[in-house]
Amino acid sequence: MVKYKTIKQFAAESGYTEHAIRAKCSNGTWLEGQVWVRAPDNKPLINVEGYHAWVESGPAPRPALQVVTKPSSKGKGMSPPPLI
């Protein structure tokens, strides 16, 4: 097994599009040095072992859901929270 793959190679094997892979690298979902690296020629490469570790780390924490209520239009206090 090859440790590093180009984005094109990794996309063909993983099911992620090249665009999705680049987005995960640029937005910090996949950390540089762990899931992806830059080769000496500055080309981004996916570390397959780092990707496996990321997958097995479990789901990302989700932000808590906040319910915001507004005063009623009649001025009689708060309206009930919306149904979700």
PDB file of N, CA and C in Angstrom:
ATOM      1  N   MET A   1       0.852  -1.186   0.000  1.00  0.00           N
ATOM      2  CA  MET A   1       0.000   0.000   0.000  1.00  0.00           C
ATOM      3  C   MET A   1       0.894   1.245   0.000  1.00  0.00           C
ATOM      4  N   VAL A   2       0.516   2.228  -0.777  1.00  0.00           N
ATOM      5  CA  VAL A   2       1.248   3.484  -0.856  1.00  0.00           C
ATOM      6  C   VAL A   2       0.768   4.390   0.270  1.00  0.00           C
ATOM      7  N   LYS A   3       1.720   5.029   0.979  1.00  0.00           N
ATOM      8  CA  LYS A   3       1.351   5.884   2.108  1.00  0.00           C
ATOM      9  C   LYS A   3       0.730   7.205   1.650  1.00  0.00           C
ATOM     10  N   TYR A   4       1.236   7.769   0.555  1.00  0.00           N
ATOM     11  CA  TYR A   4       0.753   9.061   0.071  1.00  0.00           C
ATOM     12  C   TYR A   4       0.163   8.903  -1.325  1.00  0.00           C
ATOM     13  N   LYS A   5      -0.961   9.600  -1.550  1.00  0.00           N
ATOM     14  CA  LYS A   5      -1.609   9.581  -2.864  1.00  0.00           C
ATOM     15  C   LYS A   5      -1.912  11.003  -3.288  1.00  0.00           C
ATOM     16  N   THR A   6      -1.917  11.217  -4.591  1.00  0.00           N
ATOM     17  CA  THR A   6      -2.341  12.516  -5.096  1.00  0.00           C
ATOM     18  C   THR A   6      -3.832  12.677  -4.824  1.00  0.00           C
ATOM     19  N   ILE A   7      -4.296  13.888  -4.892  1.00  0.00           N
ATOM     20  CA  ILE A   7      -5.725  14.136  -4.680  1.00  0.00           C
ATOM     21  C   ILE A   7      -6.544  13.384  -5.725  1.00  0.00           C
ATOM     22  N   LYS A   8      -6.063  13.370  -6.953  1.00  0.00           N
ATOM     23  CA  LYS A   8      -6.784  12.664  -8.020  1.00  0.00           C
ATOM     24  C   LYS A   8      -6.867  11.161  -7.725  1.00  0.00           C
ATOM     25  N   GLN A   9      -5.761  10.561  -7.312  1.00  0.00           N
ATOM     26  CA  GLN A   9      -5.758   9.130  -6.980  1.00  0.00           C
ATOM     27  C   GLN A   9      -6.694   8.854  -5.801  1.00  0.00           C
ATOM     28  N   PHE A  10      -6.586   9.693  -4.774  1.00  0.00           N
ATOM     29  CA  PHE A  10      -7.386   9.468  -3.582  1.00  0.00           C
ATOM     30  C   PHE A  10      -8.876   9.622  -3.885  1.00  0.00           C
ATOM     31  N   ALA A  11      -9.217  10.595  -4.724  1.00  0.00           N
ATOM     32  CA  ALA A  11     -10.620  10.798  -5.099  1.00  0.00           C
ATOM     33  C   ALA A  11     -11.168   9.569  -5.818  1.00  0.00           C
ATOM     34  N   ALA A  12     -10.378   8.987  -6.690  1.00  0.00           N
ATOM     35  CA  ALA A  12     -10.830   7.820  -7.444  1.00  0.00           C
ATOM     36  C   ALA A  12     -11.110   6.627  -6.536  1.00  0.00           C
ATOM     37  N   GLU A  13     -10.408   6.542  -5.410  1.00  0.00           N
ATOM     38  CA  GLU A  13     -10.533   5.379  -4.532  1.00  0.00           C
ATOM     39  C   GLU A  13     -11.431   5.597  -3.319  1.00  0.00           C
ATOM     40  N   SER A  14     -11.620   6.847  -2.925  1.00  0.00           N
ATOM     41  CA  SER A  14     -12.308   7.109  -1.659  1.00  0.00           C
ATOM     42  C   SER A  14     -13.790   7.423  -1.786  1.00  0.00           C
ATOM     43  N   GLY A  15     -14.195   7.907  -2.928  1.00  0.00           N
ATOM     44  CA  GLY A  15     -15.585   8.335  -3.072  1.00  0.00           C
ATOM     45  C   GLY A  15     -15.767   9.828  -2.840  1.00  0.00           C
ATOM     46  N   TYR A  16     -14.751  10.501  -2.321  1.00  0.00           N
ATOM     47  CA  TYR A  16     -14.797  11.957  -2.194  1.00  0.00           C
ATOM     48  C   TYR A  16     -14.402  12.566  -3.535  1.00  0.00           C
ATOM     49  N   THR A  17     -15.023  13.681  -3.896  1.00  0.00           N
ATOM     50  CA  THR A  17     -14.613  14.370  -5.117  1.00  0.00           C
ATOM     51  C   THR A  17     -13.307  15.119  -4.846  1.00  0.00           C
ATOM     52  N   GLU A  18     -12.607  15.462  -5.909  1.00  0.00           N
ATOM     53  CA  GLU A  18     -11.387  16.257  -5.753  1.00  0.00           C
ATOM     54  C   GLU A  18     -11.718  17.578  -5.065  1.00  0.00           C
ATOM     55  N   HIS A  19     -12.838  18.166  -5.420  1.00  0.00           N
ATOM     56  CA  HIS A  19     -13.250  19.429  -4.805  1.00  0.00           C
ATOM     57  C   HIS A  19     -13.465  19.259  -3.297  1.00  0.00           C
ATOM     58  N   ALA A  20     -14.135  18.181  -2.897  1.00  0.00           N
ATOM     59  CA  ALA A  20     -14.390  17.934  -1.474  1.00  0.00           C
ATOM     60  C   ALA A  20     -13.081  17.723  -0.716  1.00  0.00           C
ATOM     61  N   ILE A  21     -12.152  17.018  -1.323  1.00  0.00           N
ATOM     62  CA  ILE A  21     -10.853  16.780  -0.682  1.00  0.00           C
ATOM     63  C   ILE A  21     -10.119  18.095  -0.480  1.00  0.00           C
ATOM     64  N   ARG A  22     -10.087  18.916  -1.523  1.00  0.00           N
ATOM     65  CA  ARG A  22      -9.401  20.215  -1.408  1.00  0.00           C
ATOM     66  C   ARG A  22     -10.077  21.094  -0.350  1.00  0.00           C
ATOM     67  N   ALA A  23     -11.397  21.042  -0.279  1.00  0.00           N
ATOM     68  CA  ALA A  23     -12.124  21.829   0.720  1.00  0.00           C
ATOM     69  C   ALA A  23     -11.776  21.363   2.133  1.00  0.00           C
ATOM     70  N   LYS A  24     -11.726  20.057   2.359  1.00  0.00           N
ATOM     71  CA  LYS A  24     -11.392  19.533   3.684  1.00  0.00           C
ATOM     72  C   LYS A  24      -9.973  19.932   4.087  1.00  0.00           C
ATOM     73  N   CYS A  25      -9.069  19.971   3.117  1.00  0.00           N
ATOM     74  CA  CYS A  25      -7.692  20.394   3.407  1.00  0.00           C
ATOM     75  C   CYS A  25      -7.632  21.886   3.710  1.00  0.00           C
ATOM     76  N   SER A  26      -8.344  22.691   2.951  1.00  0.00           N
ATOM     77  CA  SER A  26      -8.242  24.146   3.131  1.00  0.00           C
ATOM     78  C   SER A  26      -9.036  24.664   4.324  1.00  0.00           C
ATOM     79  N   ASN A  27     -10.140  23.997   4.693  1.00  0.00           N
ATOM     80  CA  ASN A  27     -10.939  24.514   5.813  1.00  0.00           C
ATOM     81  C   ASN A  27     -10.536  23.930   7.164  1.00  0.00           C
ATOM     82  N   GLY A  28      -9.525  23.059   7.165  1.00  0.00           N
ATOM     83  CA  GLY A  28      -9.019  22.528   8.422  1.00  0.00           C
ATOM     84  C   GLY A  28      -9.691  21.259   8.921  1.00  0.00           C
ATOM     85  N   THR A  29     -10.646  20.724   8.157  1.00  0.00           N
ATOM     86  CA  THR A  29     -11.255  19.462   8.549  1.00  0.00           C
ATOM     87  C   THR A  29     -10.191  18.374   8.582  1.00  0.00           C
ATOM     88  N   TRP A  30      -9.328  18.377   7.573  1.00  0.00           N
ATOM     89  CA  TRP A  30      -8.174  17.473   7.534  1.00  0.00           C
ATOM     90  C   TRP A  30      -6.947  18.315   7.815  1.00  0.00           C
ATOM     91  N   LEU A  31      -6.226  18.002   8.867  1.00  0.00           N
ATOM     92  CA  LEU A  31      -5.091  18.800   9.296  1.00  0.00           C
ATOM     93  C   LEU A  31      -3.846  18.501   8.471  1.00  0.00           C
ATOM     94  N   GLU A  32      -3.172  19.583   8.080  1.00  0.00           N
ATOM     95  CA  GLU A  32      -1.906  19.432   7.371  1.00  0.00           C
ATOM     96  C   GLU A  32      -0.898  18.781   8.313  1.00  0.00           C
ATOM     97  N   GLY A  33      -0.153  17.840   7.802  1.00  0.00           N
ATOM     98  CA  GLY A  33       0.810  17.111   8.611  1.00  0.00           C
ATOM     99  C   GLY A  33       0.230  15.841   9.207  1.00  0.00           C
ATOM    100  N   GLN A  34      -1.084  15.729   9.212  1.00  0.00           N
ATOM    101  CA  GLN A  34      -1.730  14.515   9.732  1.00  0.00           C
ATOM    102  C   GLN A  34      -2.455  13.769   8.621  1.00  0.00           C
ATOM    103  N   VAL A  35      -3.398  14.426   7.962  1.00  0.00           N
ATOM    104  CA  VAL A  35      -4.171  13.770   6.893  1.00  0.00           C
ATOM    105  C   VAL A  35      -3.603  14.131   5.522  1.00  0.00           C
ATOM    106  N   TRP A  36      -2.963  15.274   5.427  1.00  0.00           N
ATOM    107  CA  TRP A  36      -2.359  15.635   4.150  1.00  0.00           C
ATOM    108  C   TRP A  36      -1.051  16.384   4.403  1.00  0.00           C
ATOM    109  N   VAL A  37      -0.175  16.323   3.414  1.00  0.00           N
ATOM    110  CA  VAL A  37       1.126  16.981   3.494  1.00  0.00           C
ATOM    111  C   VAL A  37       1.428  17.643   2.155  1.00  0.00           C
ATOM    112  N   ARG A  38       2.434  18.489   2.173  1.00  0.00           N
ATOM    113  CA  ARG A  38       2.950  19.054   0.917  1.00  0.00           C
ATOM    114  C   ARG A  38       4.273  18.377   0.610  1.00  0.00           C
ATOM    115  N   ALA A  39       4.391  17.870  -0.592  1.00  0.00           N
ATOM    116  CA  ALA A  39       5.643  17.274  -1.046  1.00  0.00           C
ATOM    117  C   ALA A  39       6.680  18.386  -1.207  1.00  0.00           C
ATOM    118  N   PRO A  40       7.956  18.039  -1.341  1.00  0.00           N
ATOM    119  CA  PRO A  40       8.976  19.067  -1.537  1.00  0.00           C
ATOM    120  C   PRO A  40       8.719  19.986  -2.729  1.00  0.00           C
ATOM    121  N   ASP A  41       7.967  19.518  -3.718  1.00  0.00           N
ATOM    122  CA  ASP A  41       7.625  20.381  -4.862  1.00  0.00           C
ATOM    123  C   ASP A  41       6.325  21.151  -4.621  1.00  0.00           C
ATOM    124  N   ASN A  42       5.817  21.128  -3.367  1.00  0.00           N
ATOM    125  CA  ASN A  42       4.629  21.868  -2.926  1.00  0.00           C
ATOM    126  C   ASN A  42       3.305  21.230  -3.346  1.00  0.00           C
ATOM    127  N   LYS A  43       3.361  20.045  -3.919  1.00  0.00           N
ATOM    128  CA  LYS A  43       2.132  19.356  -4.330  1.00  0.00           C
ATOM    129  C   LYS A  43       1.459  18.747  -3.098  1.00  0.00           C
ATOM    130  N   PRO A  44       0.142  18.970  -2.909  1.00  0.00           N
ATOM    131  CA  PRO A  44      -0.540  18.352  -1.771  1.00  0.00           C
ATOM    132  C   PRO A  44      -0.735  16.855  -2.006  1.00  0.00           C
ATOM    133  N   LEU A  45      -0.462  16.079  -0.974  1.00  0.00           N
ATOM    134  CA  LEU A  45      -0.633  14.631  -1.026  1.00  0.00           C
ATOM    135  C   LEU A  45      -1.442  14.184   0.179  1.00  0.00           C
ATOM    136  N   ILE A  46      -2.283  13.190  -0.015  1.00  0.00           N
ATOM    137  CA  ILE A  46      -3.100  12.651   1.067  1.00  0.00           C
ATOM    138  C   ILE A  46      -2.336  11.510   1.731  1.00  0.00           C
ATOM    139  N   ASN A  47      -2.223  11.583   3.054  1.00  0.00           N
ATOM    140  CA  ASN A  47      -1.616  10.517   3.846  1.00  0.00           C
ATOM    141  C   ASN A  47      -2.727   9.505   4.138  1.00  0.00           C
ATOM    142  N   VAL A  48      -2.673   8.365   3.485  1.00  0.00           N
ATOM    143  CA  VAL A  48      -3.742   7.377   3.606  1.00  0.00           C
ATOM    144  C   VAL A  48      -3.881   6.901   5.052  1.00  0.00           C
ATOM    145  N   GLU A  49      -2.765   6.703   5.747  1.00  0.00           N
ATOM    146  CA  GLU A  49      -2.828   6.285   7.153  1.00  0.00           C
ATOM    147  C   GLU A  49      -3.467   7.384   8.016  1.00  0.00           C
ATOM    148  N   GLY A  50      -3.139   8.635   7.729  1.00  0.00           N
ATOM    149  CA  GLY A  50      -3.744   9.754   8.457  1.00  0.00           C
ATOM    150  C   GLY A  50      -5.241   9.848   8.200  1.00  0.00           C
ATOM    151  N   TYR A  51      -5.650   9.574   6.964  1.00  0.00           N
ATOM    152  CA  TYR A  51      -7.073   9.563   6.631  1.00  0.00           C
ATOM    153  C   TYR A  51      -7.791   8.476   7.425  1.00  0.00           C
ATOM    154  N   HIS A  52      -7.203   7.287   7.491  1.00  0.00           N
ATOM    155  CA  HIS A  52      -7.820   6.190   8.251  1.00  0.00           C
ATOM    156  C   HIS A  52      -7.958   6.574   9.724  1.00  0.00           C
ATOM    157  N   ALA A  53      -6.934   7.216  10.286  1.00  0.00           N
ATOM    158  CA  ALA A  53      -7.003   7.653  11.688  1.00  0.00           C
ATOM    159  C   ALA A  53      -8.113   8.676  11.865  1.00  0.00           C
ATOM    160  N   TRP A  54      -8.280   9.576  10.897  1.00  0.00           N
ATOM    161  CA  TRP A  54      -9.341  10.595  10.971  1.00  0.00           C
ATOM    162  C   TRP A  54     -10.712   9.919  10.943  1.00  0.00           C
ATOM    163  N   VAL A  55     -10.896   8.951  10.047  1.00  0.00           N
ATOM    164  CA  VAL A  55     -12.179   8.253   9.941  1.00  0.00           C
ATOM    165  C   VAL A  55     -12.502   7.536  11.253  1.00  0.00           C
ATOM    166  N   GLU A  56     -11.512   6.897  11.822  1.00  0.00           N
ATOM    167  CA  GLU A  56     -11.731   6.099  13.029  1.00  0.00           C
ATOM    168  C   GLU A  56     -11.809   6.938  14.301  1.00  0.00           C
ATOM    169  N   SER A  57     -11.570   8.249  14.196  1.00  0.00           N
ATOM    170  CA  SER A  57     -11.630   9.116  15.382  1.00  0.00           C
ATOM    171  C   SER A  57     -13.061   9.407  15.818  1.00  0.00           C
ATOM    172  N   GLY A  58     -14.033   9.064  14.999  1.00  0.00           N
ATOM    173  CA  GLY A  58     -15.425   9.276  15.362  1.00  0.00           C
ATOM    174  C   GLY A  58     -15.962  10.578  14.800  1.00  0.00           C
ATOM    175  N   PRO A  59     -17.245  10.824  15.033  1.00  0.00           N
ATOM    176  CA  PRO A  59     -17.877  12.024  14.463  1.00  0.00           C
ATOM    177  C   PRO A  59     -17.365  13.289  15.138  1.00  0.00           C
ATOM    178  N   ALA A  60     -17.378  14.367  14.384  1.00  0.00           N
ATOM    179  CA  ALA A  60     -17.001  15.673  14.927  1.00  0.00           C
ATOM    180  C   ALA A  60     -18.072  16.130  15.902  1.00  0.00           C
ATOM    181  N   PRO A  61     -17.686  16.841  16.958  1.00  0.00           N
ATOM    182  CA  PRO A  61     -18.704  17.340  17.883  1.00  0.00           C
ATOM    183  C   PRO A  61     -19.644  18.300  17.168  1.00  0.00           C
ATOM    184  N   ARG A  62     -20.914  18.196  17.481  1.00  0.00           N
ATOM    185  CA  ARG A  62     -21.917  19.066  16.857  1.00  0.00           C
ATOM    186  C   ARG A  62     -22.260  20.184  17.824  1.00  0.00           C
ATOM    187  N   PRO A  63     -22.454  21.380  17.309  1.00  0.00           N
ATOM    188  CA  PRO A  63     -22.822  22.477  18.209  1.00  0.00           C
ATOM    189  C   PRO A  63     -24.200  22.238  18.823  1.00  0.00           C
ATOM    190  N   ALA A  64     -24.381  22.725  20.036  1.00  0.00           N
ATOM    191  CA  ALA A  64     -25.668  22.576  20.719  1.00  0.00           C
ATOM    192  C   ALA A  64     -26.723  23.397  19.992  1.00  0.00           C
ATOM    193  N   LEU A  65     -27.921  22.872  19.925  1.00  0.00           N
ATOM    194  CA  LEU A  65     -29.038  23.555  19.294  1.00  0.00           C
ATOM    195  C   LEU A  65     -29.611  24.564  20.274  1.00  0.00           C
ATOM    196  N   GLN A  66     -29.741  25.796  19.835  1.00  0.00           N
ATOM    197  CA  GLN A  66     -30.336  26.828  20.679  1.00  0.00           C
ATOM    198  C   GLN A  66     -31.698  27.192  20.119  1.00  0.00           C
ATOM    199  N   VAL A  67     -32.662  27.330  21.005  1.00  0.00           N
ATOM    200  CA  VAL A  67     -33.996  27.776  20.612  1.00  0.00           C
ATOM    201  C   VAL A  67     -34.121  29.221  21.045  1.00  0.00           C
ATOM    202  N   VAL A  68     -34.386  30.086  20.092  1.00  0.00           N
ATOM    203  CA  VAL A  68     -34.531  31.511  20.376  1.00  0.00           C
ATOM    204  C   VAL A  68     -35.998  31.859  20.255  1.00  0.00           C
ATOM    205  N   THR A  69     -36.526  32.508  21.265  1.00  0.00           N
ATOM    206  CA  THR A  69     -37.927  32.925  21.225  1.00  0.00           C
ATOM    207  C   THR A  69     -37.997  34.434  21.095  1.00  0.00           C
ATOM    208  N   LYS A  70     -39.090  34.905  20.518  1.00  0.00           N
ATOM    209  CA  LYS A  70     -39.317  36.337  20.332  1.00  0.00           C
ATOM    210  C   LYS A  70     -40.556  36.735  21.120  1.00  0.00           C
ATOM    211  N   PRO A  71     -40.606  37.985  21.553  1.00  0.00           N
ATOM    212  CA  PRO A  71     -41.834  38.446  22.222  1.00  0.00           C
ATOM    213  C   PRO A  71     -43.007  38.348  21.247  1.00  0.00           C
ATOM    214  N   SER A  72     -44.200  38.041  21.787  1.00  0.00           N
ATOM    215  CA  SER A  72     -45.376  37.955  20.923  1.00  0.00           C
ATOM    216  C   SER A  72     -45.723  39.341  20.396  1.00  0.00           C
ATOM    217  N   SER A  73     -46.443  39.363  19.299  1.00  0.00           N
ATOM    218  CA  SER A  73     -46.830  40.637  18.693  1.00  0.00           C
ATOM    219  C   SER A  73     -47.844  41.391  19.552  1.00  0.00           C
ATOM    220  N   LYS A  74     -48.491  40.715  20.506  1.00  0.00           N
ATOM    221  CA  LYS A  74     -49.468  41.357  21.380  1.00  0.00           C
ATOM    222  C   LYS A  74     -48.806  41.983  22.601  1.00  0.00           C
ATOM    223  N   GLY A  75     -47.481  41.781  22.740  1.00  0.00           N
ATOM    224  CA  GLY A  75     -46.791  42.375  23.863  1.00  0.00           C
ATOM    225  C   GLY A  75     -47.062  41.670  25.182  1.00  0.00           C
ATOM    226  N   LYS A  76     -47.524  40.467  25.172  1.00  0.00           N
ATOM    227  CA  LYS A  76     -47.896  39.727  26.380  1.00  0.00           C
ATOM    228  C   LYS A  76     -46.810  38.695  26.756  1.00  0.00           C
ATOM    229  N   GLY A  77     -45.563  39.015  26.631  1.00  0.00           N
ATOM    230  CA  GLY A  77     -44.509  38.079  27.022  1.00  0.00           C
ATOM    231  C   GLY A  77     -43.939  37.343  25.820  1.00  0.00           C
ATOM    232  N   MET A  78     -43.512  36.147  26.087  1.00  0.00           N
ATOM    233  CA  MET A  78     -42.821  35.365  25.065  1.00  0.00           C
ATOM    234  C   MET A  78     -43.786  34.427  24.355  1.00  0.00           C
ATOM    235  N   SER A  79     -43.520  34.211  23.082  1.00  0.00           N
ATOM    236  CA  SER A  79     -44.303  33.234  22.338  1.00  0.00           C
ATOM    237  C   SER A  79     -43.692  31.854  22.560  1.00  0.00           C
ATOM    238  N   PRO A  80     -44.435  30.801  22.348  1.00  0.00           N
ATOM    239  CA  PRO A  80     -43.870  29.460  22.545  1.00  0.00           C
ATOM    240  C   PRO A  80     -42.757  29.195  21.535  1.00  0.00           C
ATOM    241  N   PRO A  81     -41.805  28.344  21.877  1.00  0.00           N
ATOM    242  CA  PRO A  81     -40.728  28.057  20.932  1.00  0.00           C
ATOM    243  C   PRO A  81     -41.282  27.351  19.700  1.00  0.00           C
ATOM    244  N   PRO A  82     -40.617  27.541  18.571  1.00  0.00           N
ATOM    245  CA  PRO A  82     -41.097  26.882  17.345  1.00  0.00           C
ATOM    246  C   PRO A  82     -40.913  25.382  17.444  1.00  0.00           C
ATOM    247  N   LEU A  83     -41.799  24.652  16.780  1.00  0.00           N
ATOM    248  CA  LEU A  83     -41.674  23.209  16.723  1.00  0.00           C
ATOM    249  C   LEU A  83     -40.632  22.848  15.692  1.00  0.00           C
ATOM    250  N   ILE A  84     -39.804  21.885  16.020  1.00  0.00           N
ATOM    251  CA  ILE A  84     -38.732  21.489  15.095  1.00  0.00           C
ATOM    252  C   ILE A  84     -39.098  20.171  14.469  1.00  0.00           C
TER     253      ILE A  84
END
